[in-house]
Amino acid sequence: MTTRPSPRTRRLATACALAALSALGGCVVAPAPAPGYGDPYGYPSATDVYAPVAPPAPYVEVQPAVPYPGAVWINGYWNWSGNRHTWVPGRYDRPRPGWRWQPRRWERAPRGGWHSQGGGWVR
């Protein structure tokens, strides 16, 4: 004959399982991105992206306070992901002597749709 655990034991086991899942929720193991084209610091550059529809107008972002002297503000942009445009917010980055930030841009594709290019440090 098998005995069933008490309601208190089941609640405790459920709470422990949820706590373990919660602790692992922020844990992600992923391979490091390959260095981007033209980026001496190994940051990934944006890859070319195709979208069948034009991106919306850019958001007007309010730049937060500069986190450290010399920080460079990089504007946000529309990315194509999951069959729709999603906004990627702007951010601060450290300057790179001899390099400038090339913002991402969307252009009409020759055969319809839209093509995104850029988004990286260039000389």
PDB file of N, CA and C in Angstrom:
ATOM      1  N   MET A   1       0.833  -1.176   0.000  1.00  0.00           N
ATOM      2  CA  MET A   1       0.000   0.000   0.000  1.00  0.00           C
ATOM      3  C   MET A   1       0.878   1.240   0.000  1.00  0.00           C
ATOM      4  N   THR A   2       0.559   2.177  -0.885  1.00  0.00           N
ATOM      5  CA  THR A   2       1.341   3.406  -1.020  1.00  0.00           C
ATOM      6  C   THR A   2       0.641   4.533  -0.268  1.00  0.00           C
ATOM      7  N   THR A   3       1.426   5.288   0.491  1.00  0.00           N
ATOM      8  CA  THR A   3       0.842   6.424   1.204  1.00  0.00           C
ATOM      9  C   THR A   3       1.076   7.694   0.388  1.00  0.00           C
ATOM     10  N   ARG A   4       0.105   8.571   0.416  1.00  0.00           N
ATOM     11  CA  ARG A   4       0.217   9.842  -0.302  1.00  0.00           C
ATOM     12  C   ARG A   4       0.877  10.861   0.613  1.00  0.00           C
ATOM     13  N   PRO A   5       1.713  11.747   0.037  1.00  0.00           N
ATOM     14  CA  PRO A   5       2.316  12.785   0.876  1.00  0.00           C
ATOM     15  C   PRO A   5       1.235  13.736   1.392  1.00  0.00           C
ATOM     16  N   SER A   6       1.504  14.297   2.519  1.00  0.00           N
ATOM     17  CA  SER A   6       0.540  15.229   3.115  1.00  0.00           C
ATOM     18  C   SER A   6       0.486  16.515   2.283  1.00  0.00           C
ATOM     19  N   PRO A   7      -0.599  17.274   2.407  1.00  0.00           N
ATOM     20  CA  PRO A   7      -0.681  18.553   1.682  1.00  0.00           C
ATOM     21  C   PRO A   7       0.486  19.478   2.025  1.00  0.00           C
ATOM     22  N   ARG A   8       0.927  19.460   3.279  1.00  0.00           N
ATOM     23  CA  ARG A   8       2.062  20.312   3.679  1.00  0.00           C
ATOM     24  C   ARG A   8       3.332  19.889   2.949  1.00  0.00           C
ATOM     25  N   THR A   9       3.573  18.594   2.836  1.00  0.00           N
ATOM     26  CA  THR A   9       4.753  18.080   2.131  1.00  0.00           C
ATOM     27  C   THR A   9       4.684  18.447   0.648  1.00  0.00           C
ATOM     28  N   ARG A  10       3.514  18.345   0.043  1.00  0.00           N
ATOM     29  CA  ARG A  10       3.369  18.702  -1.375  1.00  0.00           C
ATOM     30  C   ARG A  10       3.623  20.181  -1.591  1.00  0.00           C
ATOM     31  N   ARG A  11       3.104  21.039  -0.685  1.00  0.00           N
ATOM     32  CA  ARG A  11       3.332  22.484  -0.803  1.00  0.00           C
ATOM     33  C   ARG A  11       4.819  22.804  -0.674  1.00  0.00           C
ATOM     34  N   LEU A  12       5.490  22.143   0.271  1.00  0.00           N
ATOM     35  CA  LEU A  12       6.915  22.361   0.479  1.00  0.00           C
ATOM     36  C   LEU A  12       7.713  21.926  -0.756  1.00  0.00           C
ATOM     37  N   ALA A  13       7.361  20.770  -1.327  1.00  0.00           N
ATOM     38  CA  ALA A  13       8.055  20.287  -2.525  1.00  0.00           C
ATOM     39  C   ALA A  13       7.814  21.235  -3.703  1.00  0.00           C
ATOM     40  N   THR A  14       6.591  21.729  -3.845  1.00  0.00           N
ATOM     41  CA  THR A  14       6.275  22.675  -4.921  1.00  0.00           C
ATOM     42  C   THR A  14       7.059  23.971  -4.733  1.00  0.00           C
ATOM     43  N   ALA A  15       7.107  24.485  -3.505  1.00  0.00           N
ATOM     44  CA  ALA A  15       7.849  25.719  -3.227  1.00  0.00           C
ATOM     45  C   ALA A  15       9.333  25.545  -3.531  1.00  0.00           C
ATOM     46  N   CYS A  16       9.901  24.405  -3.174  1.00  0.00           N
ATOM     47  CA  CYS A  16      11.321  24.142  -3.456  1.00  0.00           C
ATOM     48  C   CYS A  16      11.578  24.069  -4.960  1.00  0.00           C
ATOM     49  N   ALA A  17      10.687  23.413  -5.683  1.00  0.00           N
ATOM     50  CA  ALA A  17      10.848  23.300  -7.134  1.00  0.00           C
ATOM     51  C   ALA A  17      10.753  24.671  -7.790  1.00  0.00           C
ATOM     52  N   LEU A  18       9.802  25.497  -7.364  1.00  0.00           N
ATOM     53  CA  LEU A  18       9.670  26.843  -7.926  1.00  0.00           C
ATOM     54  C   LEU A  18      10.885  27.704  -7.596  1.00  0.00           C
ATOM     55  N   ALA A  19      11.416  27.581  -6.395  1.00  0.00           N
ATOM     56  CA  ALA A  19      12.610  28.343  -6.021  1.00  0.00           C
ATOM     57  C   ALA A  19      13.795  27.937  -6.882  1.00  0.00           C
ATOM     58  N   ALA A  20      13.939  26.643  -7.146  1.00  0.00           N
ATOM     59  CA  ALA A  20      15.048  26.166  -7.979  1.00  0.00           C
ATOM     60  C   ALA A  20      14.896  26.680  -9.408  1.00  0.00           C
ATOM     61  N   LEU A  21      13.685  26.629  -9.952  1.00  0.00           N
ATOM     62  CA  LEU A  21      13.460  27.142 -11.313  1.00  0.00           C
ATOM     63  C   LEU A  21      13.695  28.636 -11.391  1.00  0.00           C
ATOM     64  N   SER A  22      13.282  29.361 -10.348  1.00  0.00           N
ATOM     65  CA  SER A  22      13.487  30.803 -10.320  1.00  0.00           C
ATOM     66  C   SER A  22      14.973  31.135 -10.298  1.00  0.00           C
ATOM     67  N   ALA A  23      15.743  30.386  -9.544  1.00  0.00           N
ATOM     68  CA  ALA A  23      17.192  30.631  -9.460  1.00  0.00           C
ATOM     69  C   ALA A  23      17.865  30.381 -10.798  1.00  0.00           C
ATOM     70  N   LEU A  24      17.365  29.412 -11.568  1.00  0.00           N
ATOM     71  CA  LEU A  24      17.965  29.093 -12.852  1.00  0.00           C
ATOM     72  C   LEU A  24      17.433  29.965 -13.980  1.00  0.00           C
ATOM     73  N   GLY A  25      16.400  30.747 -13.723  1.00  0.00           N
ATOM     74  CA  GLY A  25      15.771  31.552 -14.769  1.00  0.00           C
ATOM     75  C   GLY A  25      16.717  32.522 -15.443  1.00  0.00           C
ATOM     76  N   GLY A  26      17.669  33.097 -14.724  1.00  0.00           N
ATOM     77  CA  GLY A  26      18.590  34.056 -15.307  1.00  0.00           C
ATOM     78  C   GLY A  26      19.871  33.426 -15.814  1.00  0.00           C
ATOM     79  N   CYS A  27      19.982  32.130 -15.752  1.00  0.00           N
ATOM     80  CA  CYS A  27      21.192  31.434 -16.139  1.00  0.00           C
ATOM     81  C   CYS A  27      21.103  31.029 -17.606  1.00  0.00           C
ATOM     82  N   VAL A  28      21.971  31.594 -18.418  1.00  0.00           N
ATOM     83  CA  VAL A  28      21.988  31.267 -19.842  1.00  0.00           C
ATOM     84  C   VAL A  28      23.415  30.959 -20.248  1.00  0.00           C
ATOM     85  N   VAL A  29      23.613  29.872 -20.929  1.00  0.00           N
ATOM     86  CA  VAL A  29      24.923  29.531 -21.453  1.00  0.00           C
ATOM     87  C   VAL A  29      24.834  29.635 -22.961  1.00  0.00           C
ATOM     88  N   ALA A  30      25.653  30.508 -23.530  1.00  0.00           N
ATOM     89  CA  ALA A  30      25.616  30.723 -24.973  1.00  0.00           C
ATOM     90  C   ALA A  30      27.047  30.913 -25.459  1.00  0.00           C
ATOM     91  N   PRO A  31      27.326  30.533 -26.695  1.00  0.00           N
ATOM     92  CA  PRO A  31      28.675  30.749 -27.213  1.00  0.00           C
ATOM     93  C   PRO A  31      28.947  32.234 -27.385  1.00  0.00           C
ATOM     94  N   ALA A  32      30.188  32.608 -27.236  1.00  0.00           N
ATOM     95  CA  ALA A  32      30.564  34.007 -27.424  1.00  0.00           C
ATOM     96  C   ALA A  32      30.410  34.373 -28.891  1.00  0.00           C
ATOM     97  N   PRO A  33      29.908  35.594 -29.180  1.00  0.00           N
ATOM     98  CA  PRO A  33      29.757  35.982 -30.576  1.00  0.00           C
ATOM     99  C   PRO A  33      31.112  36.171 -31.242  1.00  0.00           C
ATOM    100  N   ALA A  34      31.150  35.908 -32.521  1.00  0.00           N
ATOM    101  CA  ALA A  34      32.381  36.126 -33.286  1.00  0.00           C
ATOM    102  C   ALA A  34      32.632  37.616 -33.395  1.00  0.00           C
ATOM    103  N   PRO A  35      33.889  38.041 -33.452  1.00  0.00           N
ATOM    104  CA  PRO A  35      34.169  39.458 -33.595  1.00  0.00           C
ATOM    105  C   PRO A  35      33.511  40.009 -34.859  1.00  0.00           C
ATOM    106  N   GLY A  36      32.963  41.216 -34.729  1.00  0.00           N
ATOM    107  CA  GLY A  36      32.285  41.840 -35.861  1.00  0.00           C
ATOM    108  C   GLY A  36      33.280  42.400 -36.861  1.00  0.00           C
ATOM    109  N   TYR A  37      32.816  42.606 -38.060  1.00  0.00           N
ATOM    110  CA  TYR A  37      33.656  43.169 -39.108  1.00  0.00           C
ATOM    111  C   TYR A  37      34.087  44.567 -38.716  1.00  0.00           C
ATOM    112  N   GLY A  38      35.359  44.811 -38.733  1.00  0.00           N
ATOM    113  CA  GLY A  38      35.878  46.144 -38.472  1.00  0.00           C
ATOM    114  C   GLY A  38      35.851  46.556 -37.010  1.00  0.00           C
ATOM    115  N   ASP A  39      35.566  45.675 -36.091  1.00  0.00           N
ATOM    116  CA  ASP A  39      35.507  46.045 -34.684  1.00  0.00           C
ATOM    117  C   ASP A  39      36.701  45.454 -33.956  1.00  0.00           C
ATOM    118  N   PRO A  40      37.661  46.299 -33.560  1.00  0.00           N
ATOM    119  CA  PRO A  40      38.873  45.790 -32.940  1.00  0.00           C
ATOM    120  C   PRO A  40      38.654  45.247 -31.531  1.00  0.00           C
ATOM    121  N   TYR A  41      37.495  45.523 -30.944  1.00  0.00           N
ATOM    122  CA  TYR A  41      37.249  45.122 -29.570  1.00  0.00           C
ATOM    123  C   TYR A  41      36.419  43.847 -29.458  1.00  0.00           C
ATOM    124  N   GLY A  42      36.073  43.225 -30.590  1.00  0.00           N
ATOM    125  CA  GLY A  42      35.365  41.968 -30.561  1.00  0.00           C
ATOM    126  C   GLY A  42      33.865  42.079 -30.386  1.00  0.00           C
ATOM    127  N   TYR A  43      33.318  43.287 -30.436  1.00  0.00           N
ATOM    128  CA  TYR A  43      31.870  43.424 -30.327  1.00  0.00           C
ATOM    129  C   TYR A  43      31.226  42.962 -31.629  1.00  0.00           C
ATOM    130  N   PRO A  44      30.087  42.269 -31.541  1.00  0.00           N
ATOM    131  CA  PRO A  44      29.451  41.830 -32.788  1.00  0.00           C
ATOM    132  C   PRO A  44      28.880  43.010 -33.534  1.00  0.00           C
ATOM    133  N   SER A  45      29.039  43.023 -34.837  1.00  0.00           N
ATOM    134  CA  SER A  45      28.415  44.061 -35.640  1.00  0.00           C
ATOM    135  C   SER A  45      27.053  43.562 -36.075  1.00  0.00           C
ATOM    136  N   ALA A  46      26.196  44.476 -36.435  1.00  0.00           N
ATOM    137  CA  ALA A  46      24.859  44.079 -36.873  1.00  0.00           C
ATOM    138  C   ALA A  46      24.967  43.364 -38.212  1.00  0.00           C
ATOM    139  N   THR A  47      24.250  42.308 -38.344  1.00  0.00           N
ATOM    140  CA  THR A  47      24.219  41.609 -39.619  1.00  0.00           C
ATOM    141  C   THR A  47      23.144  42.244 -40.483  1.00  0.00           C
ATOM    142  N   ASP A  48      23.257  42.050 -41.783  1.00  0.00           N
ATOM    143  CA  ASP A  48      22.242  42.578 -42.684  1.00  0.00           C
ATOM    144  C   ASP A  48      20.933  41.848 -42.433  1.00  0.00           C
ATOM    145  N   VAL A  49      19.848  42.589 -42.453  1.00  0.00           N
ATOM    146  CA  VAL A  49      18.536  42.044 -42.152  1.00  0.00           C
ATOM    147  C   VAL A  49      17.565  42.457 -43.252  1.00  0.00           C
ATOM    148  N   TYR A  50      16.669  41.536 -43.642  1.00  0.00           N
ATOM    149  CA  TYR A  50      15.627  41.841 -44.624  1.00  0.00           C
ATOM    150  C   TYR A  50      14.278  41.826 -43.921  1.00  0.00           C
ATOM    151  N   ALA A  51      13.411  42.793 -44.264  1.00  0.00           N
ATOM    152  CA  ALA A  51      12.043  42.846 -43.738  1.00  0.00           C
ATOM    153  C   ALA A  51      11.100  43.124 -44.898  1.00  0.00           C
ATOM    154  N   PRO A  52       9.952  42.482 -44.928  1.00  0.00           N
ATOM    155  CA  PRO A  52       9.016  42.707 -46.020  1.00  0.00           C
ATOM    156  C   PRO A  52       8.272  44.039 -45.916  1.00  0.00           C
ATOM    157  N   VAL A  53       8.283  44.665 -44.741  1.00  0.00           N
ATOM    158  CA  VAL A  53       7.596  45.945 -44.551  1.00  0.00           C
ATOM    159  C   VAL A  53       8.563  46.978 -43.988  1.00  0.00           C
ATOM    160  N   ALA A  54       8.248  48.242 -44.245  1.00  0.00           N
ATOM    161  CA  ALA A  54       9.107  49.335 -43.779  1.00  0.00           C
ATOM    162  C   ALA A  54       9.079  49.431 -42.257  1.00  0.00           C
ATOM    163  N   PRO A  55      10.186  49.862 -41.666  1.00  0.00           N
ATOM    164  CA  PRO A  55      10.189  50.052 -40.212  1.00  0.00           C
ATOM    165  C   PRO A  55       9.372  51.291 -39.850  1.00  0.00           C
ATOM    166  N   PRO A  56       8.821  51.330 -38.630  1.00  0.00           N
ATOM    167  CA  PRO A  56       8.136  52.543 -38.172  1.00  0.00           C
ATOM    168  C   PRO A  56       9.134  53.691 -38.014  1.00  0.00           C
ATOM    169  N   ALA A  57       8.605  54.875 -37.771  1.00  0.00           N
ATOM    170  CA  ALA A  57       9.478  56.030 -37.500  1.00  0.00           C
ATOM    171  C   ALA A  57      10.283  55.757 -36.235  1.00  0.00           C
ATOM    172  N   PRO A  58      11.527  56.235 -36.181  1.00  0.00           N
ATOM    173  CA  PRO A  58      12.339  55.999 -34.981  1.00  0.00           C
ATOM    174  C   PRO A  58      11.702  56.646 -33.747  1.00  0.00           C
ATOM    175  N   TYR A  59      11.913  56.015 -32.604  1.00  0.00           N
ATOM    176  CA  TYR A  59      11.493  56.618 -31.343  1.00  0.00           C
ATOM    177  C   TYR A  59      12.394  57.807 -31.063  1.00  0.00           C
ATOM    178  N   VAL A  60      11.865  58.776 -30.363  1.00  0.00           N
ATOM    179  CA  VAL A  60      12.696  59.860 -29.857  1.00  0.00           C
ATOM    180  C   VAL A  60      13.075  59.450 -28.441  1.00  0.00           C
ATOM    181  N   GLU A  61      14.311  59.089 -28.272  1.00  0.00           N
ATOM    182  CA  GLU A  61      14.775  58.592 -26.974  1.00  0.00           C
ATOM    183  C   GLU A  61      15.357  59.731 -26.143  1.00  0.00           C
ATOM    184  N   VAL A  62      15.068  59.697 -24.873  1.00  0.00           N
ATOM    185  CA  VAL A  62      15.688  60.622 -23.930  1.00  0.00           C
ATOM    186  C   VAL A  62      16.941  59.937 -23.414  1.00  0.00           C
ATOM    187  N   GLN A  63      18.078  60.594 -23.635  1.00  0.00           N
ATOM    188  CA  GLN A  63      19.329  59.988 -23.195  1.00  0.00           C
ATOM    189  C   GLN A  63      19.441  60.083 -21.679  1.00  0.00           C
ATOM    190  N   PRO A  64      19.724  58.958 -21.026  1.00  0.00           N
ATOM    191  CA  PRO A  64      19.938  59.025 -19.574  1.00  0.00           C
ATOM    192  C   PRO A  64      21.250  59.746 -19.269  1.00  0.00           C
ATOM    193  N   ALA A  65      21.465  60.032 -18.003  1.00  0.00           N
ATOM    194  CA  ALA A  65      22.699  60.708 -17.587  1.00  0.00           C
ATOM    195  C   ALA A  65      23.911  59.903 -18.042  1.00  0.00           C
ATOM    196  N   VAL A  66      24.949  60.607 -18.407  1.00  0.00           N
ATOM    197  CA  VAL A  66      26.186  59.960 -18.866  1.00  0.00           C
ATOM    198  C   VAL A  66      26.765  59.150 -17.704  1.00  0.00           C
ATOM    199  N   PRO A  67      26.986  57.843 -17.914  1.00  0.00           N
ATOM    200  CA  PRO A  67      27.429  56.993 -16.803  1.00  0.00           C
ATOM    201  C   PRO A  67      28.890  57.191 -16.399  1.00  0.00           C
ATOM    202  N   TYR A  68      29.709  57.681 -17.337  1.00  0.00           N
ATOM    203  CA  TYR A  68      31.123  57.922 -17.039  1.00  0.00           C
ATOM    204  C   TYR A  68      31.650  58.929 -18.064  1.00  0.00           C
ATOM    205  N   PRO A  69      32.722  59.649 -17.737  1.00  0.00           N
ATOM    206  CA  PRO A  69      33.239  60.657 -18.660  1.00  0.00           C
ATOM    207  C   PRO A  69      33.654  60.039 -20.002  1.00  0.00           C
ATOM    208  N   GLY A  70      33.263  60.698 -21.087  1.00  0.00           N
ATOM    209  CA  GLY A  70      33.644  60.254 -22.420  1.00  0.00           C
ATOM    210  C   GLY A  70      32.733  59.207 -23.026  1.00  0.00           C
ATOM    211  N   ALA A  71      31.707  58.761 -22.317  1.00  0.00           N
ATOM    212  CA  ALA A  71      30.799  57.733 -22.847  1.00  0.00           C
ATOM    213  C   ALA A  71      30.126  58.255 -24.122  1.00  0.00           C
ATOM    214  N   VAL A  72      29.938  57.366 -25.095  1.00  0.00           N
ATOM    215  CA  VAL A  72      29.343  57.702 -26.383  1.00  0.00           C
ATOM    216  C   VAL A  72      27.917  57.151 -26.419  1.00  0.00           C
ATOM    217  N   TRP A  73      26.945  58.014 -26.766  1.00  0.00           N
ATOM    218  CA  TRP A  73      25.563  57.566 -26.883  1.00  0.00           C
ATOM    219  C   TRP A  73      25.349  56.953 -28.261  1.00  0.00           C
ATOM    220  N   ILE A  74      24.770  55.759 -28.305  1.00  0.00           N
ATOM    221  CA  ILE A  74      24.445  55.073 -29.551  1.00  0.00           C
ATOM    222  C   ILE A  74      22.924  54.969 -29.613  1.00  0.00           C
ATOM    223  N   ASN A  75      22.331  55.601 -30.613  1.00  0.00           N
ATOM    224  CA  ASN A  75      20.877  55.624 -30.736  1.00  0.00           C
ATOM    225  C   ASN A  75      20.307  54.226 -30.926  1.00  0.00           C
ATOM    226  N   GLY A  76      19.058  54.065 -30.519  1.00  0.00           N
ATOM    227  CA  GLY A  76      18.348  52.822 -30.728  1.00  0.00           C
ATOM    228  C   GLY A  76      17.935  52.687 -32.192  1.00  0.00           C
ATOM    229  N   TYR A  77      17.374  51.536 -32.539  1.00  0.00           N
ATOM    230  CA  TYR A  77      16.983  51.283 -33.929  1.00  0.00           C
ATOM    231  C   TYR A  77      15.892  50.219 -33.975  1.00  0.00           C
ATOM    232  N   TRP A  78      15.214  50.155 -35.105  1.00  0.00           N
ATOM    233  CA  TRP A  78      14.233  49.104 -35.339  1.00  0.00           C
ATOM    234  C   TRP A  78      14.938  47.882 -35.895  1.00  0.00           C
ATOM    235  N   ASN A  79      14.677  46.727 -35.310  1.00  0.00           N
ATOM    236  CA  ASN A  79      15.207  45.461 -35.790  1.00  0.00           C
ATOM    237  C   ASN A  79      14.033  44.613 -36.271  1.00  0.00           C
ATOM    238  N   TRP A  80      14.270  43.692 -37.189  1.00  0.00           N
ATOM    239  CA  TRP A  80      13.240  42.770 -37.650  1.00  0.00           C
ATOM    240  C   TRP A  80      13.452  41.458 -36.924  1.00  0.00           C
ATOM    241  N   SER A  81      12.466  41.050 -36.128  1.00  0.00           N
ATOM    242  CA  SER A  81      12.603  39.839 -35.334  1.00  0.00           C
ATOM    243  C   SER A  81      11.226  39.245 -35.094  1.00  0.00           C
ATOM    244  N   GLY A  82      11.103  37.947 -35.250  1.00  0.00           N
ATOM    245  CA  GLY A  82       9.835  37.290 -34.981  1.00  0.00           C
ATOM    246  C   GLY A  82       8.722  37.749 -35.893  1.00  0.00           C
ATOM    247  N   ASN A  83       9.055  38.075 -37.128  1.00  0.00           N
ATOM    248  CA  ASN A  83       8.078  38.487 -38.131  1.00  0.00           C
ATOM    249  C   ASN A  83       7.452  39.856 -37.836  1.00  0.00           C
ATOM    250  N   ARG A  84       8.202  40.711 -37.121  1.00  0.00           N
ATOM    251  CA  ARG A  84       7.734  42.077 -36.862  1.00  0.00           C
ATOM    252  C   ARG A  84       8.932  42.946 -36.481  1.00  0.00           C
ATOM    253  N   HIS A  85       8.728  44.255 -36.553  1.00  0.00           N
ATOM    254  CA  HIS A  85       9.769  45.193 -36.122  1.00  0.00           C
ATOM    255  C   HIS A  85       9.725  45.324 -34.607  1.00  0.00           C
ATOM    256  N   THR A  86      10.895  45.294 -33.991  1.00  0.00           N
ATOM    257  CA  THR A  86      11.008  45.502 -32.546  1.00  0.00           C
ATOM    258  C   THR A  86      12.050  46.585 -32.299  1.00  0.00           C
ATOM    259  N   TRP A  87      11.783  47.450 -31.337  1.00  0.00           N
ATOM    260  CA  TRP A  87      12.700  48.544 -31.023  1.00  0.00           C
ATOM    261  C   TRP A  87      13.815  48.050 -30.119  1.00  0.00           C
ATOM    262  N   VAL A  88      15.057  48.341 -30.508  1.00  0.00           N
ATOM    263  CA  VAL A  88      16.232  48.045 -29.683  1.00  0.00           C
ATOM    264  C   VAL A  88      16.667  49.386 -29.100  1.00  0.00           C
ATOM    265  N   PRO A  89      16.578  49.562 -27.779  1.00  0.00           N
ATOM    266  CA  PRO A  89      16.867  50.871 -27.191  1.00  0.00           C
ATOM    267  C   PRO A  89      18.328  51.272 -27.324  1.00  0.00           C
ATOM    268  N   GLY A  90      18.543  52.592 -27.295  1.00  0.00           N
ATOM    269  CA  GLY A  90      19.898  53.136 -27.350  1.00  0.00           C
ATOM    270  C   GLY A  90      20.660  52.791 -26.083  1.00  0.00           C
ATOM    271  N   ARG A  91      21.969  53.052 -26.145  1.00  0.00           N
ATOM    272  CA  ARG A  91      22.827  52.708 -25.008  1.00  0.00           C
ATOM    273  C   ARG A  91      24.092  53.548 -25.052  1.00  0.00           C
ATOM    274  N   TYR A  92      24.793  53.583 -23.954  1.00  0.00           N
ATOM    275  CA  TYR A  92      26.109  54.214 -23.908  1.00  0.00           C
ATOM    276  C   TYR A  92      27.166  53.149 -24.157  1.00  0.00           C
ATOM    277  N   ASP A  93      28.266  53.567 -24.776  1.00  0.00           N
ATOM    278  CA  ASP A  93      29.388  52.662 -25.002  1.00  0.00           C
ATOM    279  C   ASP A  93      30.665  53.454 -24.772  1.00  0.00           C
ATOM    280  N   ARG A  94      31.752  52.747 -24.598  1.00  0.00           N
ATOM    281  CA  ARG A  94      33.020  53.448 -24.409  1.00  0.00           C
ATOM    282  C   ARG A  94      33.568  53.863 -25.771  1.00  0.00           C
ATOM    283  N   PRO A  95      34.228  55.006 -25.841  1.00  0.00           N
ATOM    284  CA  PRO A  95      34.779  55.454 -27.124  1.00  0.00           C
ATOM    285  C   PRO A  95      35.915  54.547 -27.583  1.00  0.00           C
ATOM    286  N   ARG A  96      36.138  54.525 -28.874  1.00  0.00           N
ATOM    287  CA  ARG A  96      37.222  53.744 -29.467  1.00  0.00           C
ATOM    288  C   ARG A  96      38.084  54.694 -30.294  1.00  0.00           C
ATOM    289  N   PRO A  97      39.261  54.994 -29.817  1.00  0.00           N
ATOM    290  CA  PRO A  97      40.118  55.939 -30.527  1.00  0.00           C
ATOM    291  C   PRO A  97      40.347  55.511 -31.980  1.00  0.00           C
ATOM    292  N   GLY A  98      40.146  56.439 -32.909  1.00  0.00           N
ATOM    293  CA  GLY A  98      40.346  56.172 -34.330  1.00  0.00           C
ATOM    294  C   GLY A  98      39.148  55.519 -35.000  1.00  0.00           C
ATOM    295  N   TRP A  99      38.057  55.306 -34.274  1.00  0.00           N
ATOM    296  CA  TRP A  99      36.863  54.660 -34.809  1.00  0.00           C
ATOM    297  C   TRP A  99      35.671  55.572 -34.620  1.00  0.00           C
ATOM    298  N   ARG A 100      34.629  55.385 -35.439  1.00  0.00           N
ATOM    299  CA  ARG A 100      33.384  56.132 -35.274  1.00  0.00           C
ATOM    300  C   ARG A 100      32.228  55.143 -35.363  1.00  0.00           C
ATOM    301  N   TRP A 101      31.108  55.501 -34.759  1.00  0.00           N
ATOM    302  CA  TRP A 101      29.935  54.639 -34.784  1.00  0.00           C
ATOM    303  C   TRP A 101      29.162  54.864 -36.069  1.00  0.00           C
ATOM    304  N   GLN A 102      28.898  53.797 -36.823  1.00  0.00           N
ATOM    305  CA  GLN A 102      28.077  53.852 -38.036  1.00  0.00           C
ATOM    306  C   GLN A 102      26.692  53.347 -37.642  1.00  0.00           C
ATOM    307  N   PRO A 103      25.680  54.236 -37.600  1.00  0.00           N
ATOM    308  CA  PRO A 103      24.355  53.776 -37.185  1.00  0.00           C
ATOM    309  C   PRO A 103      23.718  52.830 -38.195  1.00  0.00           C
ATOM    310  N   ARG A 104      22.838  52.004 -37.712  1.00  0.00           N
ATOM    311  CA  ARG A 104      22.079  51.110 -38.586  1.00  0.00           C
ATOM    312  C   ARG A 104      21.130  51.966 -39.412  1.00  0.00           C
ATOM    313  N   ARG A 105      20.886  51.537 -40.652  1.00  0.00           N
ATOM    314  CA  ARG A 105      19.950  52.250 -41.515  1.00  0.00           C
ATOM    315  C   ARG A 105      19.138  51.247 -42.324  1.00  0.00           C
ATOM    316  N   TRP A 106      17.917  51.631 -42.649  1.00  0.00           N
ATOM    317  CA  TRP A 106      17.030  50.813 -43.474  1.00  0.00           C
ATOM    318  C   TRP A 106      16.931  51.441 -44.850  1.00  0.00           C
ATOM    319  N   GLU A 107      17.048  50.625 -45.894  1.00  0.00           N
ATOM    320  CA  GLU A 107      16.912  51.083 -47.274  1.00  0.00           C
ATOM    321  C   GLU A 107      15.977  50.142 -48.009  1.00  0.00           C
ATOM    322  N   ARG A 108      15.319  50.658 -49.043  1.00  0.00           N
ATOM    323  CA  ARG A 108      14.466  49.805 -49.877  1.00  0.00           C
ATOM    324  C   ARG A 108      15.320  48.751 -50.562  1.00  0.00           C
ATOM    325  N   ALA A 109      14.860  47.514 -50.520  1.00  0.00           N
ATOM    326  CA  ALA A 109      15.560  46.422 -51.201  1.00  0.00           C
ATOM    327  C   ALA A 109      15.226  46.490 -52.691  1.00  0.00           C
ATOM    328  N   PRO A 110      16.144  46.121 -53.569  1.00  0.00           N
ATOM    329  CA  PRO A 110      15.905  46.217 -55.015  1.00  0.00           C
ATOM    330  C   PRO A 110      14.685  45.422 -55.491  1.00  0.00           C
ATOM    331  N   ARG A 111      14.378  44.317 -54.820  1.00  0.00           N
ATOM    332  CA  ARG A 111      13.257  43.475 -55.269  1.00  0.00           C
ATOM    333  C   ARG A 111      12.071  43.537 -54.317  1.00  0.00           C
ATOM    334  N   GLY A 112      11.905  44.648 -53.650  1.00  0.00           N
ATOM    335  CA  GLY A 112      10.803  44.804 -52.705  1.00  0.00           C
ATOM    336  C   GLY A 112      11.258  44.571 -51.282  1.00  0.00           C
ATOM    337  N   GLY A 113      10.505  45.095 -50.356  1.00  0.00           N
ATOM    338  CA  GLY A 113      10.850  44.961 -48.953  1.00  0.00           C
ATOM    339  C   GLY A 113      11.910  45.974 -48.538  1.00  0.00           C
ATOM    340  N   TRP A 114      12.501  45.733 -47.402  1.00  0.00           N
ATOM    341  CA  TRP A 114      13.481  46.650 -46.820  1.00  0.00           C
ATOM    342  C   TRP A 114      14.696  45.868 -46.342  1.00  0.00           C
ATOM    343  N   HIS A 115      15.843  46.530 -46.419  1.00  0.00           N
ATOM    344  CA  HIS A 115      17.124  45.915 -46.084  1.00  0.00           C
ATOM    345  C   HIS A 115      17.809  46.804 -45.045  1.00  0.00           C
ATOM    346  N   SER A 116      18.261  46.215 -43.960  1.00  0.00           N
ATOM    347  CA  SER A 116      18.951  46.935 -42.905  1.00  0.00           C
ATOM    348  C   SER A 116      20.453  46.692 -43.005  1.00  0.00           C
ATOM    349  N   GLN A 117      21.220  47.756 -42.847  1.00  0.00           N
ATOM    350  CA  GLN A 117      22.679  47.652 -42.896  1.00  0.00           C
ATOM    351  C   GLN A 117      23.287  48.487 -41.800  1.00  0.00           C
ATOM    352  N   GLY A 118      24.513  48.156 -41.473  1.00  0.00           N
ATOM    353  CA  GLY A 118      25.278  48.990 -40.550  1.00  0.00           C
ATOM    354  C   GLY A 118      25.108  48.581 -39.112  1.00  0.00           C
ATOM    355  N   GLY A 119      25.420  49.511 -38.253  1.00  0.00           N
ATOM    356  CA  GLY A 119      25.332  49.276 -36.834  1.00  0.00           C
ATOM    357  C   GLY A 119      26.625  48.730 -36.266  1.00  0.00           C
ATOM    358  N   GLY A 120      27.707  49.505 -36.325  1.00  0.00           N
ATOM    359  CA  GLY A 120      28.962  49.047 -35.785  1.00  0.00           C
ATOM    360  C   GLY A 120      30.036  50.127 -35.833  1.00  0.00           C
ATOM    361  N   TRP A 121      31.142  49.852 -35.204  1.00  0.00           N
ATOM    362  CA  TRP A 121      32.286  50.769 -35.213  1.00  0.00           C
ATOM    363  C   TRP A 121      33.070  50.596 -36.503  1.00  0.00           C
ATOM    364  N   VAL A 122      33.398  51.695 -37.160  1.00  0.00           N
ATOM    365  CA  VAL A 122      34.178  51.668 -38.396  1.00  0.00           C
ATOM    366  C   VAL A 122      35.304  52.699 -38.306  1.00  0.00           C
ATOM    367  N   ARG A 123      36.337  52.468 -39.073  1.00  0.00           N
ATOM    368  CA  ARG A 123      37.455  53.435 -39.115  1.00  0.00           C
ATOM    369  C   ARG A 123      37.119  54.587 -40.012  1.00  0.00           C
TER     370      ARG A 123
END
